[in-house]
PDB file of N, CA and C in Angstrom:
ATOM      1  N   MET A   1     -28.081 -16.475  14.706  1.00  0.00           N
ATOM      2  CA  MET A   1     -29.088 -16.566  13.678  1.00  0.00           C
ATOM      3  C   MET A   1     -30.354 -15.847  14.153  1.00  0.00           C
ATOM      4  N   LYS A   2     -30.883 -14.989  13.297  1.00  0.00           N
ATOM      5  CA  LYS A   2     -32.059 -14.204  13.676  1.00  0.00           C
ATOM      6  C   LYS A   2     -33.315 -15.039  13.526  1.00  0.00           C
ATOM      7  N   ASN A   3     -34.224 -14.810  14.446  1.00  0.00           N
ATOM      8  CA  ASN A   3     -35.477 -15.546  14.317  1.00  0.00           C
ATOM      9  C   ASN A   3     -36.433 -14.790  13.388  1.00  0.00           C
ATOM     10  N   MET A   4     -37.547 -15.399  13.111  1.00  0.00           N
ATOM     11  CA  MET A   4     -38.499 -14.879  12.113  1.00  0.00           C
ATOM     12  C   MET A   4     -39.050 -13.512  12.510  1.00  0.00           C
ATOM     13  N   SER A   5     -39.381 -13.292  13.764  1.00  0.00           N
ATOM     14  CA  SER A   5     -39.971 -12.010  14.181  1.00  0.00           C
ATOM     15  C   SER A   5     -38.962 -10.874  14.069  1.00  0.00           C
ATOM     16  N   GLU A   6     -37.684 -11.123  14.372  1.00  0.00           N
ATOM     17  CA  GLU A   6     -36.669 -10.077  14.246  1.00  0.00           C
ATOM     18  C   GLU A   6     -36.492  -9.675  12.788  1.00  0.00           C
ATOM     19  N   ARG A   7     -36.488 -10.645  11.877  1.00  0.00           N
ATOM     20  CA  ARG A   7     -36.368 -10.331  10.447  1.00  0.00           C
ATOM     21  C   ARG A   7     -37.579  -9.548   9.960  1.00  0.00           C
ATOM     22  N   MET A   8     -38.745  -9.895  10.456  1.00  0.00           N
ATOM     23  CA  MET A   8     -39.959  -9.198  10.050  1.00  0.00           C
ATOM     24  C   MET A   8     -39.940  -7.751  10.547  1.00  0.00           C
ATOM     25  N   VAL A   9     -39.500  -7.549  11.783  1.00  0.00           N
ATOM     26  CA  VAL A   9     -39.418  -6.198  12.338  1.00  0.00           C
ATOM     27  C   VAL A   9     -38.412  -5.366  11.551  1.00  0.00           C
ATOM     28  N   GLU A  10     -37.283  -5.940  11.189  1.00  0.00           N
ATOM     29  CA  GLU A  10     -36.287  -5.213  10.401  1.00  0.00           C
ATOM     30  C   GLU A  10     -36.837  -4.849   9.026  1.00  0.00           C
ATOM     31  N   GLY A  11     -37.583  -5.761   8.422  1.00  0.00           N
ATOM     32  CA  GLY A  11     -38.190  -5.475   7.124  1.00  0.00           C
ATOM     33  C   GLY A  11     -39.187  -4.337   7.206  1.00  0.00           C
ATOM     34  N   ILE A  12     -39.970  -4.321   8.268  1.00  0.00           N
ATOM     35  CA  ILE A  12     -40.944  -3.239   8.462  1.00  0.00           C
ATOM     36  C   ILE A  12     -40.223  -1.919   8.679  1.00  0.00           C
ATOM     37  N   LYS A  13     -39.150  -1.943   9.469  1.00  0.00           N
ATOM     38  CA  LYS A  13     -38.374  -0.715   9.709  1.00  0.00           C
ATOM     39  C   LYS A  13     -37.785  -0.186   8.402  1.00  0.00           C
ATOM     40  N   ASP A  14     -37.247  -1.079   7.578  1.00  0.00           N
ATOM     41  CA  ASP A  14     -36.675  -0.655   6.304  1.00  0.00           C
ATOM     42  C   ASP A  14     -37.733  -0.029   5.403  1.00  0.00           C
ATOM     43  N   GLN A  15     -38.876  -0.661   5.290  1.00  0.00           N
ATOM     44  CA  GLN A  15     -39.950  -0.136   4.446  1.00  0.00           C
ATOM     45  C   GLN A  15     -40.463   1.197   4.968  1.00  0.00           C
ATOM     46  N   LEU A  16     -40.581   1.315   6.286  1.00  0.00           N
ATOM     47  CA  LEU A  16     -41.049   2.562   6.891  1.00  0.00           C
ATOM     48  C   LEU A  16     -40.060   3.694   6.632  1.00  0.00           C
ATOM     49  N   SER A  17     -38.766   3.403   6.766  1.00  0.00           N
ATOM     50  CA  SER A  17     -37.775   4.450   6.528  1.00  0.00           C
ATOM     51  C   SER A  17     -37.753   4.871   5.056  1.00  0.00           C
ATOM     52  N   LYS A  18     -37.915   3.921   4.141  1.00  0.00           N
ATOM     53  CA  LYS A  18     -37.965   4.270   2.715  1.00  0.00           C
ATOM     54  C   LYS A  18     -39.195   5.119   2.407  1.00  0.00           C
ATOM     55  N   THR A  19     -40.325   4.756   3.005  1.00  0.00           N
ATOM     56  CA  THR A  19     -41.557   5.517   2.782  1.00  0.00           C
ATOM     57  C   THR A  19     -41.434   6.927   3.339  1.00  0.00           C
ATOM     58  N   MET A  20     -40.854   7.057   4.519  1.00  0.00           N
ATOM     59  CA  MET A  20     -40.668   8.384   5.116  1.00  0.00           C
ATOM     60  C   MET A  20     -39.719   9.233   4.269  1.00  0.00           C
ATOM     61  N   GLY A  21     -38.693   8.614   3.709  1.00  0.00           N
ATOM     62  CA  GLY A  21     -37.779   9.343   2.830  1.00  0.00           C
ATOM     63  C   GLY A  21     -38.470   9.845   1.583  1.00  0.00           C
ATOM     64  N   ARG A  22     -39.284   8.988   0.972  1.00  0.00           N
ATOM     65  CA  ARG A  22     -40.036   9.417  -0.220  1.00  0.00           C
ATOM     66  C   ARG A  22     -41.006  10.540   0.117  1.00  0.00           C
ATOM     67  N   LEU A  23     -41.653  10.435   1.257  1.00  0.00           N
ATOM     68  CA  LEU A  23     -42.590  11.471   1.691  1.00  0.00           C
ATOM     69  C   LEU A  23     -41.866  12.801   1.904  1.00  0.00           C
ATOM     70  N   ALA A  24     -40.699  12.751   2.511  1.00  0.00           N
ATOM     71  CA  ALA A  24     -39.922  13.974   2.732  1.00  0.00           C
ATOM     72  C   ALA A  24     -39.503  14.604   1.412  1.00  0.00           C
ATOM     73  N   ILE A  25     -39.123  13.781   0.449  1.00  0.00           N
ATOM     74  CA  ILE A  25     -38.723  14.306  -0.858  1.00  0.00           C
ATOM     75  C   ILE A  25     -39.911  14.968  -1.555  1.00  0.00           C
ATOM     76  N   LYS A  26     -41.059  14.307  -1.545  1.00  0.00           N
ATOM     77  CA  LYS A  26     -42.252  14.872  -2.192  1.00  0.00           C
ATOM     78  C   LYS A  26     -42.677  16.164  -1.515  1.00  0.00           C
ATOM     79  N   THR A  27     -42.640  16.198  -0.189  1.00  0.00           N
ATOM     80  CA  THR A  27     -43.016  17.407   0.549  1.00  0.00           C
ATOM     81  C   THR A  27     -42.071  18.550   0.208  1.00  0.00           C
ATOM     82  N   GLY A  28     -40.786  18.256   0.131  1.00  0.00           N
ATOM     83  CA  GLY A  28     -39.806  19.284  -0.232  1.00  0.00           C
ATOM     84  C   GLY A  28     -40.022  19.822  -1.630  1.00  0.00           C
ATOM     85  N   GLU A  29     -40.358  18.941  -2.567  1.00  0.00           N
ATOM     86  CA  GLU A  29     -40.607  19.388  -3.939  1.00  0.00           C
ATOM     87  C   GLU A  29     -41.814  20.312  -4.004  1.00  0.00           C
ATOM     88  N   VAL A  30     -42.885  19.956  -3.324  1.00  0.00           N
ATOM     89  CA  VAL A  30     -44.091  20.783  -3.335  1.00  0.00           C
ATOM     90  C   VAL A  30     -43.808  22.135  -2.679  1.00  0.00           C
ATOM     91  N   THR A  31     -43.058  22.120  -1.590  1.00  0.00           N
ATOM     92  CA  THR A  31     -42.733  23.369  -0.903  1.00  0.00           C
ATOM     93  C   THR A  31     -41.886  24.272  -1.785  1.00  0.00           C
ATOM     94  N   MET A  32     -40.912  23.705  -2.480  1.00  0.00           N
ATOM     95  CA  MET A  32     -40.067  24.513  -3.363  1.00  0.00           C
ATOM     96  C   MET A  32     -40.872  25.104  -4.512  1.00  0.00           C
ATOM     97  N   GLU A  33     -41.781  24.314  -5.091  1.00  0.00           N
ATOM     98  CA  GLU A  33     -42.607  24.828  -6.179  1.00  0.00           C
ATOM     99  C   GLU A  33     -43.477  25.972  -5.696  1.00  0.00           C
ATOM    100  N   THR A  34     -44.058  25.829  -4.521  1.00  0.00           N
ATOM    101  CA  THR A  34     -44.925  26.875  -3.981  1.00  0.00           C
ATOM    102  C   THR A  34     -44.139  28.142  -3.708  1.00  0.00           C
ATOM    103  N   SER A  35     -42.967  28.014  -3.091  1.00  0.00           N
ATOM    104  CA  SER A  35     -42.190  29.209  -2.774  1.00  0.00           C
ATOM    105  C   SER A  35     -41.667  29.872  -4.043  1.00  0.00           C
ATOM    106  N   CYS A  36     -41.303  29.084  -5.047  1.00  0.00           N
ATOM    107  CA  CYS A  36     -40.838  29.677  -6.306  1.00  0.00           C
ATOM    108  C   CYS A  36     -41.964  30.431  -6.998  1.00  0.00           C
ATOM    109  N   LEU A  37     -43.167  29.881  -6.954  1.00  0.00           N
ATOM    110  CA  LEU A  37     -44.304  30.559  -7.561  1.00  0.00           C
ATOM    111  C   LEU A  37     -44.614  31.856  -6.834  1.00  0.00           C
ATOM    112  N   MET A  38     -44.495  31.850  -5.512  1.00  0.00           N
ATOM    113  CA  MET A  38     -44.801  33.064  -4.752  1.00  0.00           C
ATOM    114  C   MET A  38     -43.767  34.147  -5.009  1.00  0.00           C
ATOM    115  N   PHE A  39     -42.494  33.781  -5.102  1.00  0.00           N
ATOM    116  CA  PHE A  39     -41.461  34.780  -5.347  1.00  0.00           C
ATOM    117  C   PHE A  39     -41.427  35.210  -6.809  1.00  0.00           C
ATOM    118  N   GLY A  40     -41.928  34.378  -7.687  1.00  0.00           N
ATOM    119  CA  GLY A  40     -41.947  34.711  -9.104  1.00  0.00           C
ATOM    120  C   GLY A  40     -43.077  35.644  -9.485  1.00  0.00           C
ATOM    121  N   TYR A  41     -44.058  35.803  -8.605  1.00  0.00           N
ATOM    122  CA  TYR A  41     -45.204  36.664  -8.898  1.00  0.00           C
ATOM    123  C   TYR A  41     -44.807  38.116  -8.733  1.00  0.00           C
ATOM    124  N   GLU A  42     -45.077  38.909  -9.732  1.00  0.00           N
ATOM    125  CA  GLU A  42     -44.763  40.332  -9.675  1.00  0.00           C
ATOM    126  C   GLU A  42     -46.021  41.106 -10.058  1.00  0.00           C
ATOM    127  N   PRO A  43     -46.632  41.775  -9.092  1.00  0.00           N
ATOM    128  CA  PRO A  43     -47.869  42.499  -9.392  1.00  0.00           C
ATOM    129  C   PRO A  43     -47.597  43.706 -10.287  1.00  0.00           C
ATOM    130  N   SER A  44     -48.582  44.035 -11.092  1.00  0.00           N
ATOM    131  CA  SER A  44     -48.423  45.212 -11.947  1.00  0.00           C
ATOM    132  C   SER A  44     -48.822  46.457 -11.152  1.00  0.00           C
ATOM    133  N   ILE A  45     -48.004  47.481 -11.276  1.00  0.00           N
ATOM    134  CA  ILE A  45     -48.246  48.740 -10.567  1.00  0.00           C
ATOM    135  C   ILE A  45     -48.603  49.787 -11.606  1.00  0.00           C
ATOM    136  N   PRO A  46     -49.719  50.463 -11.413  1.00  0.00           N
ATOM    137  CA  PRO A  46     -50.101  51.504 -12.378  1.00  0.00           C
ATOM    138  C   PRO A  46     -49.034  52.597 -12.471  1.00  0.00           C
ATOM    139  N   GLN A  47     -48.818  53.087 -13.669  1.00  0.00           N
ATOM    140  CA  GLN A  47     -47.806  54.122 -13.897  1.00  0.00           C
ATOM    141  C   GLN A  47     -48.092  55.389 -13.110  1.00  0.00           C
ATOM    142  N   GLU A  48     -49.369  55.698 -12.879  1.00  0.00           N
ATOM    143  CA  GLU A  48     -49.727  56.914 -12.152  1.00  0.00           C
ATOM    144  C   GLU A  48     -49.185  56.870 -10.714  1.00  0.00           C
ATOM    145  N   LEU A  49     -49.283  55.701 -10.109  1.00  0.00           N
ATOM    146  CA  LEU A  49     -48.760  55.573  -8.742  1.00  0.00           C
ATOM    147  C   LEU A  49     -47.247  55.705  -8.717  1.00  0.00           C
ATOM    148  N   LEU A  50     -46.583  55.155  -9.695  1.00  0.00           N
ATOM    149  CA  LEU A  50     -45.118  55.280  -9.748  1.00  0.00           C
ATOM    150  C   LEU A  50     -44.692  56.728  -9.952  1.00  0.00           C
ATOM    151  N   LYS A  51     -45.393  57.440 -10.824  1.00  0.00           N
ATOM    152  CA  LYS A  51     -45.049  58.843 -11.089  1.00  0.00           C
ATOM    153  C   LYS A  51     -45.336  59.735  -9.893  1.00  0.00           C
ATOM    154  N   SER A  52     -46.459  59.450  -9.183  1.00  0.00           N
ATOM    155  CA  SER A  52     -46.808  60.284  -8.043  1.00  0.00           C
ATOM    156  C   SER A  52     -45.877  60.049  -6.846  1.00  0.00           C
ATOM    157  N   SER A  53     -45.364  58.868  -6.707  1.00  0.00           N
ATOM    158  CA  SER A  53     -44.481  58.587  -5.564  1.00  0.00           C
ATOM    159  C   SER A  53     -43.073  59.121  -5.790  1.00  0.00           C
ATOM    160  N   SER A  54     -42.677  59.365  -7.031  1.00  0.00           N
ATOM    161  CA  SER A  54     -41.325  59.853  -7.298  1.00  0.00           C
ATOM    162  C   SER A  54     -41.219  61.372  -7.172  1.00  0.00           C
ATOM    163  N   LYS A  55     -42.321  62.075  -7.048  1.00  0.00           N
ATOM    164  CA  LYS A  55     -42.304  63.543  -6.952  1.00  0.00           C
ATOM    165  C   LYS A  55     -42.061  64.020  -5.569  1.00  0.00           C
TER     166      LYS A  55
END
């Protein structure tokens, strides 16, 4: 039979692991959004530069 302090420590460990999991998920979501936005950006290139580089 577990004593009170062991049950309390296990409860804290469970809550800490759940919190760390949620934090990892949120961090991953923010990172994916940022990387998608960066790769989705396409700068406009003036036509004159495109024509001059092809000659």
